[in-house]
Amino acid sequence: MSWDGAERRKQTMSCQQEILEKIASVERKIDRISLAIYGNGEPAKGFIVRMDRLEQTKSALLWTVAIIGTSVIGIIIHGIAQAMGR
């Protein structure tokens, strides 16, 4: 074994290289996640816009169901009132 530290430097360089490779791997993964969330310059393909559209659709659907439900109740009440002779 050498006392000049050459072997220790090789080990340190190897560890540094391994750390840099892991950091690069994490950065690639973060980039993929970012593309999925925000869409690559095409917001319509990102999860945020798609989720917003789902929420808007749900809101419109609930409003439509409420209007239909209110109309049905009104028709039923009107029918009952006519049947009672008013």
PDB file of N, CA and C in Angstrom:
ATOM      1  N   MET A   1       0.833  -1.184   0.000  1.00  0.00           N
ATOM      2  CA  MET A   1       0.000   0.000   0.000  1.00  0.00           C
ATOM      3  C   MET A   1       0.872   1.241   0.000  1.00  0.00           C
ATOM      4  N   SER A   2       0.484   2.190  -0.778  1.00  0.00           N
ATOM      5  CA  SER A   2       1.261   3.412  -0.926  1.00  0.00           C
ATOM      6  C   SER A   2       0.854   4.423   0.141  1.00  0.00           C
ATOM      7  N   TRP A   3       1.824   5.184   0.591  1.00  0.00           N
ATOM      8  CA  TRP A   3       1.553   6.207   1.605  1.00  0.00           C
ATOM      9  C   TRP A   3       1.373   7.582   0.989  1.00  0.00           C
ATOM     10  N   ASP A   4       1.401   7.669  -0.326  1.00  0.00           N
ATOM     11  CA  ASP A   4       1.268   8.985  -0.957  1.00  0.00           C
ATOM     12  C   ASP A   4      -0.185   9.398  -1.151  1.00  0.00           C
ATOM     13  N   GLY A   5      -1.136   8.526  -0.808  1.00  0.00           N
ATOM     14  CA  GLY A   5      -2.550   8.880  -0.871  1.00  0.00           C
ATOM     15  C   GLY A   5      -3.183   8.657  -2.227  1.00  0.00           C
ATOM     16  N   ALA A   6      -2.472   8.040  -3.156  1.00  0.00           N
ATOM     17  CA  ALA A   6      -3.006   7.831  -4.505  1.00  0.00           C
ATOM     18  C   ALA A   6      -4.244   6.938  -4.466  1.00  0.00           C
ATOM     19  N   GLU A   7      -4.165   5.885  -3.681  1.00  0.00           N
ATOM     20  CA  GLU A   7      -5.310   4.970  -3.585  1.00  0.00           C
ATOM     21  C   GLU A   7      -6.513   5.681  -2.968  1.00  0.00           C
ATOM     22  N   ARG A   8      -6.269   6.477  -1.958  1.00  0.00           N
ATOM     23  CA  ARG A   8      -7.357   7.221  -1.292  1.00  0.00           C
ATOM     24  C   ARG A   8      -7.987   8.226  -2.254  1.00  0.00           C
ATOM     25  N   ARG A   9      -7.162   8.872  -3.077  1.00  0.00           N
ATOM     26  CA  ARG A   9      -7.679   9.827  -4.068  1.00  0.00           C
ATOM     27  C   ARG A   9      -8.548   9.117  -5.099  1.00  0.00           C
ATOM     28  N   LYS A  10      -8.134   7.896  -5.497  1.00  0.00           N
ATOM     29  CA  LYS A  10      -8.922   7.122  -6.459  1.00  0.00           C
ATOM     30  C   LYS A  10     -10.297   6.785  -5.867  1.00  0.00           C
ATOM     31  N   GLN A  11     -10.308   6.384  -4.608  1.00  0.00           N
ATOM     32  CA  GLN A  11     -11.575   6.065  -3.957  1.00  0.00           C
ATOM     33  C   GLN A  11     -12.466   7.306  -3.853  1.00  0.00           C
ATOM     34  N   THR A  12     -11.852   8.434  -3.501  1.00  0.00           N
ATOM     35  CA  THR A  12     -12.605   9.683  -3.375  1.00  0.00           C
ATOM     36  C   THR A  12     -13.181  10.096  -4.720  1.00  0.00           C
ATOM     37  N   MET A  13     -12.383   9.979  -5.770  1.00  0.00           N
ATOM     38  CA  MET A  13     -12.851  10.338  -7.113  1.00  0.00           C
ATOM     39  C   MET A  13     -13.989   9.420  -7.537  1.00  0.00           C
ATOM     40  N   SER A  14     -13.877   8.145  -7.200  1.00  0.00           N
ATOM     41  CA  SER A  14     -14.917   7.187  -7.532  1.00  0.00           C
ATOM     42  C   SER A  14     -16.224   7.553  -6.815  1.00  0.00           C
ATOM     43  N   CYS A  15     -16.126   7.894  -5.550  1.00  0.00           N
ATOM     44  CA  CYS A  15     -17.315   8.288  -4.778  1.00  0.00           C
ATOM     45  C   CYS A  15     -17.924   9.574  -5.337  1.00  0.00           C
ATOM     46  N   GLN A  16     -17.061  10.518  -5.685  1.00  0.00           N
ATOM     47  CA  GLN A  16     -17.558  11.773  -6.253  1.00  0.00           C
ATOM     48  C   GLN A  16     -18.278  11.519  -7.577  1.00  0.00           C
ATOM     49  N   GLN A  17     -17.719  10.669  -8.402  1.00  0.00           N
ATOM     50  CA  GLN A  17     -18.338  10.345  -9.691  1.00  0.00           C
ATOM     51  C   GLN A  17     -19.688   9.678  -9.475  1.00  0.00           C
ATOM     52  N   GLU A  18     -19.752   8.772  -8.504  1.00  0.00           N
ATOM     53  CA  GLU A  18     -20.999   8.081  -8.203  1.00  0.00           C
ATOM     54  C   GLU A  18     -22.069   9.071  -7.720  1.00  0.00           C
ATOM     55  N   ILE A  19     -21.666   9.995  -6.875  1.00  0.00           N
ATOM     56  CA  ILE A  19     -22.600  11.016  -6.381  1.00  0.00           C
ATOM     57  C   ILE A  19     -23.098  11.885  -7.525  1.00  0.00           C
ATOM     58  N   LEU A  20     -22.195  12.294  -8.414  1.00  0.00           N
ATOM     59  CA  LEU A  20     -22.591  13.121  -9.558  1.00  0.00           C
ATOM     60  C   LEU A  20     -23.561  12.381 -10.472  1.00  0.00           C
ATOM     61  N   GLU A  21     -23.325  11.081 -10.664  1.00  0.00           N
ATOM     62  CA  GLU A  21     -24.235  10.284 -11.488  1.00  0.00           C
ATOM     63  C   GLU A  21     -25.616  10.179 -10.849  1.00  0.00           C
ATOM     64  N   LYS A  22     -25.656  10.004  -9.528  1.00  0.00           N
ATOM     65  CA  LYS A  22     -26.941   9.936  -8.828  1.00  0.00           C
ATOM     66  C   LYS A  22     -27.676  11.269  -8.902  1.00  0.00           C
ATOM     67  N   ILE A  23     -26.954  12.366  -8.766  1.00  0.00           N
ATOM     68  CA  ILE A  23     -27.565  13.690  -8.877  1.00  0.00           C
ATOM     69  C   ILE A  23     -28.143  13.882 -10.271  1.00  0.00           C
ATOM     70  N   ALA A  24     -27.400  13.473 -11.284  1.00  0.00           N
ATOM     71  CA  ALA A  24     -27.888  13.595 -12.665  1.00  0.00           C
ATOM     72  C   ALA A  24     -29.147  12.751 -12.860  1.00  0.00           C
ATOM     73  N   SER A  25     -29.169  11.563 -12.266  1.00  0.00           N
ATOM     74  CA  SER A  25     -30.345  10.697 -12.362  1.00  0.00           C
ATOM     75  C   SER A  25     -31.552  11.359 -11.703  1.00  0.00           C
ATOM     76  N   VAL A  26     -31.355  11.947 -10.538  1.00  0.00           N
ATOM     77  CA  VAL A  26     -32.450  12.633  -9.838  1.00  0.00           C
ATOM     78  C   VAL A  26     -32.941  13.820 -10.657  1.00  0.00           C
ATOM     79  N   GLU A  27     -32.019  14.566 -11.254  1.00  0.00           N
ATOM     80  CA  GLU A  27     -32.411  15.712 -12.089  1.00  0.00           C
ATOM     81  C   GLU A  27     -33.255  15.262 -13.280  1.00  0.00           C
ATOM     82  N   ARG A  28     -32.893  14.142 -13.901  1.00  0.00           N
ATOM     83  CA  ARG A  28     -33.683  13.622 -15.030  1.00  0.00           C
ATOM     84  C   ARG A  28     -35.087  13.243 -14.572  1.00  0.00           C
ATOM     85  N   LYS A  29     -35.166  12.622 -13.409  1.00  0.00           N
ATOM     86  CA  LYS A  29     -36.475  12.238 -12.878  1.00  0.00           C
ATOM     87  C   LYS A  29     -37.323  13.467 -12.560  1.00  0.00           C
ATOM     88  N   ILE A  30     -36.708  14.480 -11.993  1.00  0.00           N
ATOM     89  CA  ILE A  30     -37.433  15.722 -11.689  1.00  0.00           C
ATOM     90  C   ILE A  30     -37.920  16.377 -12.979  1.00  0.00           C
ATOM     91  N   ASP A  31     -37.105  16.353 -14.013  1.00  0.00           N
ATOM     92  CA  ASP A  31     -37.521  16.913 -15.303  1.00  0.00           C
ATOM     93  C   ASP A  31     -38.737  16.173 -15.861  1.00  0.00           C
ATOM     94  N   ARG A  32     -38.748  14.846 -15.760  1.00  0.00           N
ATOM     95  CA  ARG A  32     -39.898  14.067 -16.247  1.00  0.00           C
ATOM     96  C   ARG A  32     -41.154  14.391 -15.455  1.00  0.00           C
ATOM     97  N   ILE A  33     -41.011  14.522 -14.148  1.00  0.00           N
ATOM     98  CA  ILE A  33     -42.165  14.850 -13.306  1.00  0.00           C
ATOM     99  C   ILE A  33     -42.669  16.249 -13.644  1.00  0.00           C
ATOM    100  N   SER A  34     -41.751  17.170 -13.846  1.00  0.00           N
ATOM    101  CA  SER A  34     -42.132  18.541 -14.205  1.00  0.00           C
ATOM    102  C   SER A  34     -42.879  18.570 -15.528  1.00  0.00           C
ATOM    103  N   LEU A  35     -42.419  17.787 -16.496  1.00  0.00           N
ATOM    104  CA  LEU A  35     -43.116  17.716 -17.787  1.00  0.00           C
ATOM    105  C   LEU A  35     -44.527  17.170 -17.603  1.00  0.00           C
ATOM    106  N   ALA A  36     -44.674  16.171 -16.753  1.00  0.00           N
ATOM    107  CA  ALA A  36     -45.996  15.593 -16.525  1.00  0.00           C
ATOM    108  C   ALA A  36     -46.927  16.598 -15.858  1.00  0.00           C
ATOM    109  N   ILE A  37     -46.411  17.370 -14.933  1.00  0.00           N
ATOM    110  CA  ILE A  37     -47.245  18.323 -14.203  1.00  0.00           C
ATOM    111  C   ILE A  37     -47.595  19.534 -15.055  1.00  0.00           C
ATOM    112  N   TYR A  38     -46.609  20.124 -15.698  1.00  0.00           N
ATOM    113  CA  TYR A  38     -46.819  21.393 -16.390  1.00  0.00           C
ATOM    114  C   TYR A  38     -46.996  21.263 -17.900  1.00  0.00           C
ATOM    115  N   GLY A  39     -46.633  20.155 -18.494  1.00  0.00           N
ATOM    116  CA  GLY A  39     -46.724  20.008 -19.946  1.00  0.00           C
ATOM    117  C   GLY A  39     -45.557  20.726 -20.602  1.00  0.00           C
ATOM    118  N   ASN A  40     -44.927  20.117 -21.536  1.00  0.00           N
ATOM    119  CA  ASN A  40     -43.726  20.649 -22.172  1.00  0.00           C
ATOM    120  C   ASN A  40     -44.062  21.780 -23.136  1.00  0.00           C
ATOM    121  N   GLY A  41     -44.372  22.931 -22.596  1.00  0.00           N
ATOM    122  CA  GLY A  41     -44.724  24.064 -23.447  1.00  0.00           C
ATOM    123  C   GLY A  41     -46.131  23.933 -24.012  1.00  0.00           C
ATOM    124  N   GLU A  42     -46.775  22.827 -23.725  1.00  0.00           N
ATOM    125  CA  GLU A  42     -48.154  22.603 -24.148  1.00  0.00           C
ATOM    126  C   GLU A  42     -48.970  22.367 -22.882  1.00  0.00           C
ATOM    127  N   PRO A  43     -49.446  23.452 -22.272  1.00  0.00           N
ATOM    128  CA  PRO A  43     -50.131  23.315 -20.989  1.00  0.00           C
ATOM    129  C   PRO A  43     -51.308  22.346 -21.024  1.00  0.00           C
ATOM    130  N   ALA A  44     -51.929  22.174 -22.169  1.00  0.00           N
ATOM    131  CA  ALA A  44     -53.082  21.274 -22.254  1.00  0.00           C
ATOM    132  C   ALA A  44     -52.682  19.834 -21.938  1.00  0.00           C
ATOM    133  N   LYS A  45     -51.400  19.529 -22.034  1.00  0.00           N
ATOM    134  CA  LYS A  45     -50.945  18.169 -21.764  1.00  0.00           C
ATOM    135  C   LYS A  45     -50.479  17.992 -20.321  1.00  0.00           C
ATOM    136  N   GLY A  46     -50.462  19.065 -19.551  1.00  0.00           N
ATOM    137  CA  GLY A  46     -50.015  18.971 -18.162  1.00  0.00           C
ATOM    138  C   GLY A  46     -51.153  18.574 -17.225  1.00  0.00           C
ATOM    139  N   PHE A  47     -50.795  17.944 -16.118  1.00  0.00           N
ATOM    140  CA  PHE A  47     -51.797  17.497 -15.153  1.00  0.00           C
ATOM    141  C   PHE A  47     -52.555  18.667 -14.540  1.00  0.00           C
ATOM    142  N   ILE A  48     -51.899  19.794 -14.343  1.00  0.00           N
ATOM    143  CA  ILE A  48     -52.559  20.936 -13.701  1.00  0.00           C
ATOM    144  C   ILE A  48     -53.741  21.406 -14.540  1.00  0.00           C
ATOM    145  N   VAL A  49     -53.539  21.591 -15.827  1.00  0.00           N
ATOM    146  CA  VAL A  49     -54.626  22.042 -16.702  1.00  0.00           C
ATOM    147  C   VAL A  49     -55.703  20.972 -16.805  1.00  0.00           C
ATOM    148  N   ARG A  50     -55.294  19.718 -16.908  1.00  0.00           N
ATOM    149  CA  ARG A  50     -56.273  18.636 -17.020  1.00  0.00           C
ATOM    150  C   ARG A  50     -57.118  18.542 -15.748  1.00  0.00           C
ATOM    151  N   MET A  51     -56.498  18.713 -14.598  1.00  0.00           N
ATOM    152  CA  MET A  51     -57.236  18.680 -13.338  1.00  0.00           C
ATOM    153  C   MET A  51     -58.205  19.854 -13.265  1.00  0.00           C
ATOM    154  N   ASP A  52     -57.773  21.021 -13.703  1.00  0.00           N
ATOM    155  CA  ASP A  52     -58.650  22.193 -13.702  1.00  0.00           C
ATOM    156  C   ASP A  52     -59.860  21.957 -14.601  1.00  0.00           C
ATOM    157  N   ARG A  53     -59.633  21.354 -15.751  1.00  0.00           N
ATOM    158  CA  ARG A  53     -60.751  21.053 -16.655  1.00  0.00           C
ATOM    159  C   ARG A  53     -61.725  20.062 -16.034  1.00  0.00           C
ATOM    160  N   LEU A  54     -61.204  19.072 -15.317  1.00  0.00           N
ATOM    161  CA  LEU A  54     -62.076  18.123 -14.626  1.00  0.00           C
ATOM    162  C   LEU A  54     -62.917  18.827 -13.563  1.00  0.00           C
ATOM    163  N   GLU A  55     -62.303  19.738 -12.837  1.00  0.00           N
ATOM    164  CA  GLU A  55     -63.043  20.479 -11.815  1.00  0.00           C
ATOM    165  C   GLU A  55     -64.127  21.348 -12.441  1.00  0.00           C
ATOM    166  N   GLN A  56     -63.817  21.981 -13.569  1.00  0.00           N
ATOM    167  CA  GLN A  56     -64.818  22.797 -14.265  1.00  0.00           C
ATOM    168  C   GLN A  56     -65.970  21.929 -14.759  1.00  0.00           C
ATOM    169  N   THR A  57     -65.654  20.775 -15.294  1.00  0.00           N
ATOM    170  CA  THR A  57     -66.679  19.853 -15.786  1.00  0.00           C
ATOM    171  C   THR A  57     -67.562  19.384 -14.636  1.00  0.00           C
ATOM    172  N   LYS A  58     -66.940  19.046 -13.505  1.00  0.00           N
ATOM    173  CA  LYS A  58     -67.707  18.621 -12.335  1.00  0.00           C
ATOM    174  C   LYS A  58     -68.646  19.722 -11.878  1.00  0.00           C
ATOM    175  N   SER A  59     -68.154  20.939 -11.849  1.00  0.00           N
ATOM    176  CA  SER A  59     -68.980  22.068 -11.426  1.00  0.00           C
ATOM    177  C   SER A  59     -70.166  22.259 -12.365  1.00  0.00           C
ATOM    178  N   ALA A  60     -69.927  22.190 -13.658  1.00  0.00           N
ATOM    179  CA  ALA A  60     -71.011  22.341 -14.639  1.00  0.00           C
ATOM    180  C   ALA A  60     -72.012  21.199 -14.509  1.00  0.00           C
ATOM    181  N   LEU A  61     -71.517  20.000 -14.280  1.00  0.00           N
ATOM    182  CA  LEU A  61     -72.389  18.836 -14.121  1.00  0.00           C
ATOM    183  C   LEU A  61     -73.277  18.979 -12.883  1.00  0.00           C
ATOM    184  N   LEU A  62     -72.690  19.408 -11.773  1.00  0.00           N
ATOM    185  CA  LEU A  62     -73.471  19.608 -10.557  1.00  0.00           C
ATOM    186  C   LEU A  62     -74.550  20.669 -10.760  1.00  0.00           C
ATOM    187  N   TRP A  63     -74.204  21.735 -11.443  1.00  0.00           N
ATOM    188  CA  TRP A  63     -75.170  22.797 -11.722  1.00  0.00           C
ATOM    189  C   TRP A  63     -76.314  22.245 -12.578  1.00  0.00           C
ATOM    190  N   THR A  64     -75.976  21.483 -13.596  1.00  0.00           N
ATOM    191  CA  THR A  64     -76.995  20.902 -14.480  1.00  0.00           C
ATOM    192  C   THR A  64     -77.915  19.954 -13.709  1.00  0.00           C
ATOM    193  N   VAL A  65     -77.339  19.105 -12.879  1.00  0.00           N
ATOM    194  CA  VAL A  65     -78.141  18.175 -12.084  1.00  0.00           C
ATOM    195  C   VAL A  65     -79.048  18.943 -11.134  1.00  0.00           C
ATOM    196  N   ALA A  66     -78.559  20.012 -10.532  1.00  0.00           N
ATOM    197  CA  ALA A  66     -79.385  20.818  -9.627  1.00  0.00           C
ATOM    198  C   ALA A  66     -80.556  21.449 -10.379  1.00  0.00           C
ATOM    199  N   ILE A  67     -80.309  21.957 -11.567  1.00  0.00           N
ATOM    200  CA  ILE A  67     -81.380  22.570 -12.370  1.00  0.00           C
ATOM    201  C   ILE A  67     -82.416  21.505 -12.749  1.00  0.00           C
ATOM    202  N   ILE A  68     -81.958  20.344 -13.195  1.00  0.00           N
ATOM    203  CA  ILE A  68     -82.890  19.273 -13.576  1.00  0.00           C
ATOM    204  C   ILE A  68     -83.691  18.816 -12.356  1.00  0.00           C
ATOM    205  N   GLY A  69     -83.027  18.643 -11.227  1.00  0.00           N
ATOM    206  CA  GLY A  69     -83.713  18.235 -10.005  1.00  0.00           C
ATOM    207  C   GLY A  69     -84.768  19.244  -9.578  1.00  0.00           C
ATOM    208  N   THR A  70     -84.426  20.508  -9.634  1.00  0.00           N
ATOM    209  CA  THR A  70     -85.382  21.563  -9.285  1.00  0.00           C
ATOM    210  C   THR A  70     -86.568  21.557 -10.242  1.00  0.00           C
ATOM    211  N   SER A  71     -86.303  21.361 -11.512  1.00  0.00           N
ATOM    212  CA  SER A  71     -87.387  21.319 -12.513  1.00  0.00           C
ATOM    213  C   SER A  71     -88.313  20.142 -12.262  1.00  0.00           C
ATOM    214  N   VAL A  72     -87.746  18.976 -11.969  1.00  0.00           N
ATOM    215  CA  VAL A  72     -88.556  17.783 -11.709  1.00  0.00           C
ATOM    216  C   VAL A  72     -89.431  17.998 -10.475  1.00  0.00           C
ATOM    217  N   ILE A  73     -88.852  18.547  -9.423  1.00  0.00           N
ATOM    218  CA  ILE A  73     -89.636  18.821  -8.212  1.00  0.00           C
ATOM    219  C   ILE A  73     -90.759  19.807  -8.517  1.00  0.00           C
ATOM    220  N   GLY A  74     -90.459  20.836  -9.315  1.00  0.00           N
ATOM    221  CA  GLY A  74     -91.499  21.805  -9.704  1.00  0.00           C
ATOM    222  C   GLY A  74     -92.620  21.149 -10.488  1.00  0.00           C
ATOM    223  N   ILE A  75     -92.258  20.272 -11.405  1.00  0.00           N
ATOM    224  CA  ILE A  75     -93.280  19.568 -12.210  1.00  0.00           C
ATOM    225  C   ILE A  75     -94.145  18.679 -11.321  1.00  0.00           C
ATOM    226  N   ILE A  76     -93.515  17.985 -10.379  1.00  0.00           N
ATOM    227  CA  ILE A  76     -94.265  17.117  -9.467  1.00  0.00           C
ATOM    228  C   ILE A  76     -95.230  17.941  -8.615  1.00  0.00           C
ATOM    229  N   ILE A  77     -94.743  19.024  -8.051  1.00  0.00           N
ATOM    230  CA  ILE A  77     -95.602  19.891  -7.236  1.00  0.00           C
ATOM    231  C   ILE A  77     -96.745  20.460  -8.075  1.00  0.00           C
ATOM    232  N   HIS A  78     -96.459  20.875  -9.284  1.00  0.00           N
ATOM    233  CA  HIS A  78     -97.501  21.397 -10.179  1.00  0.00           C
ATOM    234  C   HIS A  78     -98.546  20.312 -10.484  1.00  0.00           C
ATOM    235  N   GLY A  79     -98.080  19.096 -10.736  1.00  0.00           N
ATOM    236  CA  GLY A  79     -99.008  17.988 -10.990  1.00  0.00           C
ATOM    237  C   GLY A  79     -99.884  17.682  -9.800  1.00  0.00           C
ATOM    238  N   ILE A  80     -99.287  17.683  -8.613  1.00  0.00           N
ATOM    239  CA  ILE A  80    -100.064  17.441  -7.391  1.00  0.00           C
ATOM    240  C   ILE A  80    -101.106  18.545  -7.183  1.00  0.00           C
ATOM    241  N   ALA A  81    -100.677  19.787  -7.420  1.00  0.00           N
ATOM    242  CA  ALA A  81    -101.611  20.914  -7.250  1.00  0.00           C
ATOM    243  C   ALA A  81    -102.756  20.809  -8.226  1.00  0.00           C
ATOM    244  N   GLN A  82    -102.494  20.419  -9.467  1.00  0.00           N
ATOM    245  CA  GLN A  82    -103.581  20.255 -10.454  1.00  0.00           C
ATOM    246  C   GLN A  82    -104.490  19.101 -10.087  1.00  0.00           C
ATOM    247  N   ALA A  83    -103.907  18.035  -9.550  1.00  0.00           N
ATOM    248  CA  ALA A  83    -104.721  16.863  -9.165  1.00  0.00           C
ATOM    249  C   ALA A  83    -105.629  17.192  -7.995  1.00  0.00           C
ATOM    250  N   MET A  84    -105.232  18.113  -7.148  1.00  0.00           N
ATOM    251  CA  MET A  84    -106.050  18.495  -6.010  1.00  0.00           C
ATOM    252  C   MET A  84    -107.124  19.505  -6.401  1.00  0.00           C
ATOM    253  N   GLY A  85    -107.074  19.973  -7.624  1.00  0.00           N
ATOM    254  CA  GLY A  85    -108.106  20.864  -8.128  1.00  0.00           C
ATOM    255  C   GLY A  85    -107.831  22.334  -7.917  1.00  0.00           C
ATOM    256  N   ARG A  86    -106.680  22.722  -7.756  1.00  0.00           N
ATOM    257  CA  ARG A  86    -106.397  24.155  -7.586  1.00  0.00           C
ATOM    258  C   ARG A  86    -106.270  24.851  -8.886  1.00  0.00           C
TER     259      ARG A  86
END
